[in-house]
Amino acid sequence: MSHVKAGGTAKNLHDSPGQRLGIKLYGGQKTRTGNVIVRQVGLTKRAGKGTKLSRNFTIHADTEGAVKYTTRRVRLFTGKSVKRVEVTVEPITEATKPAVKKASAKAKAVK
């Protein structure tokens, strides 16, 4: 017969994988309709113009364009005003596209 008492059972053995939360597209990056911009738990960032908020608080792009993050003041239920980050998608137009330099005639002749 053994003289060692029973050690009991361990209860905290299971581990769940991470939820992969966070910012998926940063400011200035291009996005297409339906792309995930932010995965979050709760409403830490607000959905602005050109975005939509899904049931699990994920912010998706509603239009094509460039992602932009701005801070704005939001009034809470208590009446207190606090700063929150707002995610918007601005459409890319000809005026906002970066200028592409064209090769000069001399550079073409050298090649």
N, C-alpha and C. Protein backbone atom coordinates (compact mmCIF):
# COMPACT_ATOMS: atom_id res chain seq x y z
N MET A 1 0.83 -1.19 0.00
CA MET A 1 0.00 0.00 0.00
C MET A 1 0.87 1.24 0.00
N SER A 2 0.43 2.21 -0.76
CA SER A 2 1.16 3.46 -0.85
C SER A 2 0.83 4.35 0.34
N HIS A 3 1.78 5.16 0.74
CA HIS A 3 1.56 6.06 1.88
C HIS A 3 1.40 7.52 1.45
N VAL A 4 1.26 7.80 0.12
CA VAL A 4 1.11 9.18 -0.38
C VAL A 4 -0.37 9.46 -0.55
N LYS A 5 -0.83 10.60 0.02
CA LYS A 5 -2.23 10.95 -0.09
C LYS A 5 -2.55 11.42 -1.51
N ALA A 6 -3.82 11.44 -1.84
CA ALA A 6 -4.26 11.88 -3.16
C ALA A 6 -3.96 13.37 -3.35
N GLY A 7 -3.44 13.74 -4.52
CA GLY A 7 -3.05 15.12 -4.79
C GLY A 7 -4.18 16.02 -5.22
N GLY A 8 -5.34 15.44 -5.48
CA GLY A 8 -6.45 16.25 -5.94
C GLY A 8 -6.41 16.40 -7.46
N THR A 9 -7.28 17.24 -8.00
CA THR A 9 -7.33 17.44 -9.45
C THR A 9 -7.03 18.89 -9.77
N ALA A 10 -6.42 19.10 -10.94
CA ALA A 10 -6.14 20.46 -11.39
C ALA A 10 -7.35 20.97 -12.16
N LYS A 11 -7.73 22.23 -11.92
CA LYS A 11 -8.94 22.77 -12.54
C LYS A 11 -8.64 23.74 -13.69
N ASN A 12 -7.48 24.36 -13.68
CA ASN A 12 -7.22 25.42 -14.66
C ASN A 12 -6.24 24.95 -15.73
N LEU A 13 -6.61 23.91 -16.45
CA LEU A 13 -5.70 23.33 -17.44
C LEU A 13 -6.00 23.78 -18.87
N HIS A 14 -7.20 24.25 -19.14
CA HIS A 14 -7.59 24.58 -20.50
C HIS A 14 -7.16 26.00 -20.85
N ASP A 15 -6.80 26.19 -22.12
CA ASP A 15 -6.38 27.50 -22.59
C ASP A 15 -7.08 27.78 -23.91
N SER A 16 -7.61 28.98 -24.07
CA SER A 16 -8.30 29.32 -25.31
C SER A 16 -7.39 30.20 -26.17
N PRO A 17 -7.52 30.10 -27.49
CA PRO A 17 -6.69 30.92 -28.37
C PRO A 17 -7.07 32.40 -28.28
N GLY A 18 -6.15 33.29 -28.65
CA GLY A 18 -6.41 34.72 -28.63
C GLY A 18 -7.46 35.10 -29.65
N GLN A 19 -8.11 36.24 -29.46
CA GLN A 19 -9.20 36.66 -30.32
C GLN A 19 -8.75 37.51 -31.50
N ARG A 20 -7.47 37.81 -31.59
CA ARG A 20 -6.91 38.61 -32.70
C ARG A 20 -7.60 39.95 -32.84
N LEU A 21 -7.72 40.67 -31.73
CA LEU A 21 -8.35 41.98 -31.72
C LEU A 21 -7.33 43.05 -32.10
N GLY A 22 -7.81 44.22 -32.44
CA GLY A 22 -6.92 45.35 -32.69
C GLY A 22 -7.18 46.02 -34.01
N ILE A 23 -6.28 46.92 -34.36
CA ILE A 23 -6.39 47.69 -35.60
C ILE A 23 -5.82 46.86 -36.74
N LYS A 24 -6.61 46.68 -37.79
CA LYS A 24 -6.18 45.90 -38.95
C LYS A 24 -5.68 46.80 -40.08
N LEU A 25 -6.23 47.99 -40.20
CA LEU A 25 -5.78 48.96 -41.21
C LEU A 25 -5.50 50.28 -40.50
N TYR A 26 -4.31 50.83 -40.73
CA TYR A 26 -3.90 52.07 -40.07
C TYR A 26 -4.25 53.28 -40.93
N GLY A 27 -4.10 54.47 -40.37
CA GLY A 27 -4.44 55.70 -41.05
C GLY A 27 -3.64 55.88 -42.34
N GLY A 28 -4.34 56.25 -43.40
CA GLY A 28 -3.70 56.46 -44.69
C GLY A 28 -3.70 55.24 -45.58
N GLN A 29 -3.96 54.06 -45.03
CA GLN A 29 -3.98 52.86 -45.85
C GLN A 29 -5.27 52.79 -46.67
N LYS A 30 -5.18 52.23 -47.87
CA LYS A 30 -6.34 52.11 -48.74
C LYS A 30 -7.17 50.91 -48.31
N THR A 31 -8.47 51.03 -48.49
CA THR A 31 -9.38 49.95 -48.14
C THR A 31 -10.46 49.80 -49.21
N ARG A 32 -11.03 48.61 -49.26
CA ARG A 32 -12.14 48.37 -50.18
C ARG A 32 -13.39 48.09 -49.35
N THR A 33 -14.53 48.10 -50.00
CA THR A 33 -15.80 47.89 -49.31
C THR A 33 -15.81 46.53 -48.62
N GLY A 34 -16.17 46.51 -47.35
CA GLY A 34 -16.28 45.27 -46.60
C GLY A 34 -15.05 44.88 -45.82
N ASN A 35 -13.90 45.53 -46.05
CA ASN A 35 -12.68 45.20 -45.31
C ASN A 35 -12.84 45.52 -43.83
N VAL A 36 -12.24 44.68 -42.98
CA VAL A 36 -12.25 44.93 -41.54
C VAL A 36 -11.18 45.97 -41.23
N ILE A 37 -11.56 47.03 -40.53
CA ILE A 37 -10.62 48.08 -40.15
C ILE A 37 -10.18 47.88 -38.70
N VAL A 38 -11.13 47.65 -37.80
CA VAL A 38 -10.83 47.47 -36.37
C VAL A 38 -11.65 46.32 -35.83
N ARG A 39 -11.00 45.40 -35.08
CA ARG A 39 -11.71 44.36 -34.32
C ARG A 39 -11.60 44.75 -32.85
N GLN A 40 -12.74 44.88 -32.17
CA GLN A 40 -12.71 45.38 -30.79
C GLN A 40 -13.81 44.72 -29.97
N VAL A 41 -13.62 44.74 -28.65
CA VAL A 41 -14.64 44.29 -27.72
C VAL A 41 -15.21 45.55 -27.09
N GLY A 42 -16.47 45.81 -27.30
CA GLY A 42 -17.07 47.05 -26.83
C GLY A 42 -16.81 48.17 -27.82
N LEU A 43 -17.27 49.34 -27.49
CA LEU A 43 -17.20 50.47 -28.42
C LEU A 43 -16.03 51.39 -28.05
N THR A 44 -14.79 50.90 -28.16
CA THR A 44 -13.64 51.73 -27.84
C THR A 44 -13.38 52.76 -28.92
N LYS A 45 -13.64 52.42 -30.18
CA LYS A 45 -13.52 53.35 -31.30
C LYS A 45 -14.88 53.46 -31.97
N ARG A 46 -15.21 54.66 -32.44
CA ARG A 46 -16.51 54.91 -33.03
C ARG A 46 -16.44 54.80 -34.55
N ALA A 47 -17.52 54.31 -35.16
CA ALA A 47 -17.61 54.23 -36.62
C ALA A 47 -18.11 55.57 -37.15
N GLY A 48 -17.37 56.14 -38.08
CA GLY A 48 -17.75 57.42 -38.65
C GLY A 48 -18.25 57.29 -40.08
N LYS A 49 -18.05 58.33 -40.86
CA LYS A 49 -18.52 58.37 -42.23
C LYS A 49 -17.75 57.35 -43.08
N GLY A 50 -18.47 56.59 -43.89
CA GLY A 50 -17.84 55.62 -44.78
C GLY A 50 -17.54 54.29 -44.11
N THR A 51 -18.02 54.10 -42.86
CA THR A 51 -17.80 52.84 -42.15
C THR A 51 -19.12 52.35 -41.57
N LYS A 52 -19.13 51.08 -41.19
CA LYS A 52 -20.31 50.54 -40.51
C LYS A 52 -19.86 49.69 -39.34
N LEU A 53 -20.72 49.61 -38.33
CA LEU A 53 -20.42 48.88 -37.10
C LEU A 53 -21.25 47.61 -37.09
N SER A 54 -20.59 46.45 -36.95
CA SER A 54 -21.33 45.19 -36.92
C SER A 54 -21.75 44.86 -35.50
N ARG A 55 -22.45 43.75 -35.33
CA ARG A 55 -23.03 43.40 -34.03
C ARG A 55 -21.97 43.12 -32.97
N ASN A 56 -20.78 42.64 -33.39
CA ASN A 56 -19.73 42.37 -32.41
C ASN A 56 -18.75 43.55 -32.31
N PHE A 57 -19.19 44.74 -32.71
CA PHE A 57 -18.45 46.00 -32.61
C PHE A 57 -17.25 46.08 -33.57
N THR A 58 -17.19 45.21 -34.58
CA THR A 58 -16.14 45.30 -35.59
C THR A 58 -16.49 46.44 -36.54
N ILE A 59 -15.51 47.26 -36.89
CA ILE A 59 -15.73 48.37 -37.82
C ILE A 59 -15.27 47.94 -39.21
N HIS A 60 -16.20 47.99 -40.18
CA HIS A 60 -15.94 47.62 -41.56
C HIS A 60 -15.98 48.85 -42.45
N ALA A 61 -15.30 48.77 -43.60
CA ALA A 61 -15.37 49.85 -44.58
C ALA A 61 -16.67 49.72 -45.36
N ASP A 62 -17.39 50.82 -45.51
CA ASP A 62 -18.64 50.83 -46.26
C ASP A 62 -18.42 51.35 -47.68
N THR A 63 -17.30 52.05 -47.88
CA THR A 63 -16.94 52.56 -49.20
C THR A 63 -15.45 52.34 -49.43
N GLU A 64 -15.02 52.51 -50.67
CA GLU A 64 -13.59 52.45 -50.97
C GLU A 64 -12.95 53.78 -50.65
N GLY A 65 -11.70 53.74 -50.21
CA GLY A 65 -11.01 54.98 -49.90
C GLY A 65 -9.84 54.76 -48.97
N ALA A 66 -9.45 55.82 -48.27
CA ALA A 66 -8.32 55.78 -47.34
C ALA A 66 -8.86 55.90 -45.91
N VAL A 67 -8.28 55.11 -45.00
CA VAL A 67 -8.69 55.11 -43.60
C VAL A 67 -8.12 56.34 -42.90
N LYS A 68 -8.94 56.94 -42.03
CA LYS A 68 -8.49 58.11 -41.28
C LYS A 68 -9.00 57.99 -39.84
N TYR A 69 -8.12 58.29 -38.88
CA TYR A 69 -8.47 58.27 -37.46
C TYR A 69 -8.44 59.69 -36.93
N THR A 70 -9.53 60.11 -36.29
CA THR A 70 -9.60 61.43 -35.68
C THR A 70 -10.17 61.29 -34.28
N THR A 71 -9.91 62.29 -33.43
CA THR A 71 -10.51 62.29 -32.10
C THR A 71 -11.65 63.29 -32.08
N ARG A 72 -12.71 62.92 -31.39
CA ARG A 72 -13.85 63.83 -31.25
C ARG A 72 -14.42 63.67 -29.86
N ARG A 73 -15.18 64.67 -29.44
CA ARG A 73 -15.79 64.64 -28.11
C ARG A 73 -17.16 63.98 -28.21
N VAL A 74 -17.41 63.08 -27.25
CA VAL A 74 -18.68 62.36 -27.20
C VAL A 74 -19.30 62.60 -25.82
N ARG A 75 -20.58 62.88 -25.79
CA ARG A 75 -21.27 63.10 -24.53
C ARG A 75 -21.80 61.77 -24.00
N LEU A 76 -21.44 61.45 -22.76
CA LEU A 76 -21.90 60.22 -22.12
C LEU A 76 -23.31 60.41 -21.57
N PHE A 77 -23.90 59.32 -21.10
CA PHE A 77 -25.25 59.37 -20.53
C PHE A 77 -25.30 60.25 -19.29
N THR A 78 -24.19 60.32 -18.57
CA THR A 78 -24.15 61.14 -17.35
C THR A 78 -24.02 62.63 -17.65
N GLY A 79 -23.76 62.95 -18.92
CA GLY A 79 -23.58 64.35 -19.30
C GLY A 79 -22.12 64.73 -19.44
N LYS A 80 -21.24 63.85 -19.03
CA LYS A 80 -19.81 64.12 -19.12
C LYS A 80 -19.36 64.03 -20.59
N SER A 81 -18.46 64.91 -20.98
CA SER A 81 -17.93 64.92 -22.34
C SER A 81 -16.52 64.32 -22.33
N VAL A 82 -16.29 63.28 -23.16
CA VAL A 82 -15.00 62.59 -23.19
C VAL A 82 -14.52 62.47 -24.64
N LYS A 83 -13.20 62.32 -24.80
CA LYS A 83 -12.63 62.16 -26.13
C LYS A 83 -12.70 60.70 -26.55
N ARG A 84 -13.07 60.46 -27.80
CA ARG A 84 -13.10 59.12 -28.37
C ARG A 84 -12.52 59.17 -29.78
N VAL A 85 -11.97 58.05 -30.23
CA VAL A 85 -11.39 57.96 -31.56
C VAL A 85 -12.49 57.57 -32.54
N GLU A 86 -12.55 58.29 -33.66
CA GLU A 86 -13.53 58.01 -34.70
C GLU A 86 -12.80 57.52 -35.95
N VAL A 87 -13.30 56.44 -36.53
CA VAL A 87 -12.70 55.86 -37.73
C VAL A 87 -13.57 56.24 -38.92
N THR A 88 -12.96 56.85 -39.94
CA THR A 88 -13.68 57.22 -41.15
C THR A 88 -12.93 56.70 -42.36
N VAL A 89 -13.66 56.55 -43.46
CA VAL A 89 -13.04 56.20 -44.75
C VAL A 89 -13.35 57.34 -45.70
N GLU A 90 -12.29 58.00 -46.18
CA GLU A 90 -12.46 59.12 -47.10
C GLU A 90 -12.23 58.62 -48.52
N PRO A 91 -13.13 58.93 -49.44
CA PRO A 91 -12.95 58.47 -50.82
C PRO A 91 -11.71 59.11 -51.44
N ILE A 92 -11.01 58.34 -52.24
CA ILE A 92 -9.81 58.85 -52.92
C ILE A 92 -10.24 59.48 -54.23
N THR A 93 -9.94 60.77 -54.38
CA THR A 93 -10.25 61.49 -55.62
C THR A 93 -8.95 61.87 -56.30
N GLU A 94 -9.05 62.46 -57.44
CA GLU A 94 -7.85 62.89 -58.19
C GLU A 94 -7.04 63.91 -57.41
N ALA A 95 -7.72 64.75 -56.64
CA ALA A 95 -7.03 65.80 -55.88
C ALA A 95 -6.25 65.21 -54.70
N THR A 96 -6.74 64.11 -54.13
CA THR A 96 -6.07 63.56 -52.95
C THR A 96 -5.05 62.49 -53.28
N LYS A 97 -5.02 62.03 -54.54
CA LYS A 97 -4.03 61.01 -54.92
C LYS A 97 -2.63 61.63 -54.91
N PRO A 98 -1.62 60.88 -54.48
CA PRO A 98 -0.26 61.42 -54.52
C PRO A 98 0.22 61.55 -55.96
N ALA A 99 0.94 62.63 -56.23
CA ALA A 99 1.43 62.88 -57.58
C ALA A 99 2.54 61.88 -57.93
N VAL A 100 2.45 61.33 -59.14
CA VAL A 100 3.46 60.37 -59.61
C VAL A 100 4.36 61.12 -60.58
N LYS A 101 5.68 61.06 -60.30
CA LYS A 101 6.62 61.74 -61.18
C LYS A 101 6.78 60.95 -62.47
N LYS A 102 6.75 61.68 -63.58
CA LYS A 102 6.96 61.05 -64.89
C LYS A 102 8.43 61.16 -65.24
N ALA A 103 8.93 60.13 -65.89
CA ALA A 103 10.34 60.14 -66.29
C ALA A 103 10.54 61.18 -67.40
N SER A 104 11.64 61.90 -67.31
CA SER A 104 11.91 62.93 -68.30
C SER A 104 12.38 62.29 -69.61
N ALA A 105 12.38 63.08 -70.67
CA ALA A 105 12.81 62.59 -71.98
C ALA A 105 14.28 62.18 -71.96
N LYS A 106 15.11 62.89 -71.17
CA LYS A 106 16.53 62.56 -71.06
C LYS A 106 16.72 61.17 -70.44
N ALA A 107 15.96 60.88 -69.39
CA ALA A 107 16.09 59.59 -68.72
C ALA A 107 15.67 58.45 -69.64
N LYS A 108 14.67 58.70 -70.49
CA LYS A 108 14.24 57.68 -71.43
C LYS A 108 15.29 57.46 -72.49
N ALA A 109 15.96 58.53 -72.95
CA ALA A 109 16.98 58.42 -73.98
C ALA A 109 18.21 57.67 -73.47
N VAL A 110 18.53 57.81 -72.19
CA VAL A 110 19.69 57.16 -71.62
C VAL A 110 19.49 55.65 -71.58
N LYS A 111 18.27 55.23 -71.31
CA LYS A 111 17.99 53.80 -71.24
C LYS A 111 18.12 53.22 -72.60
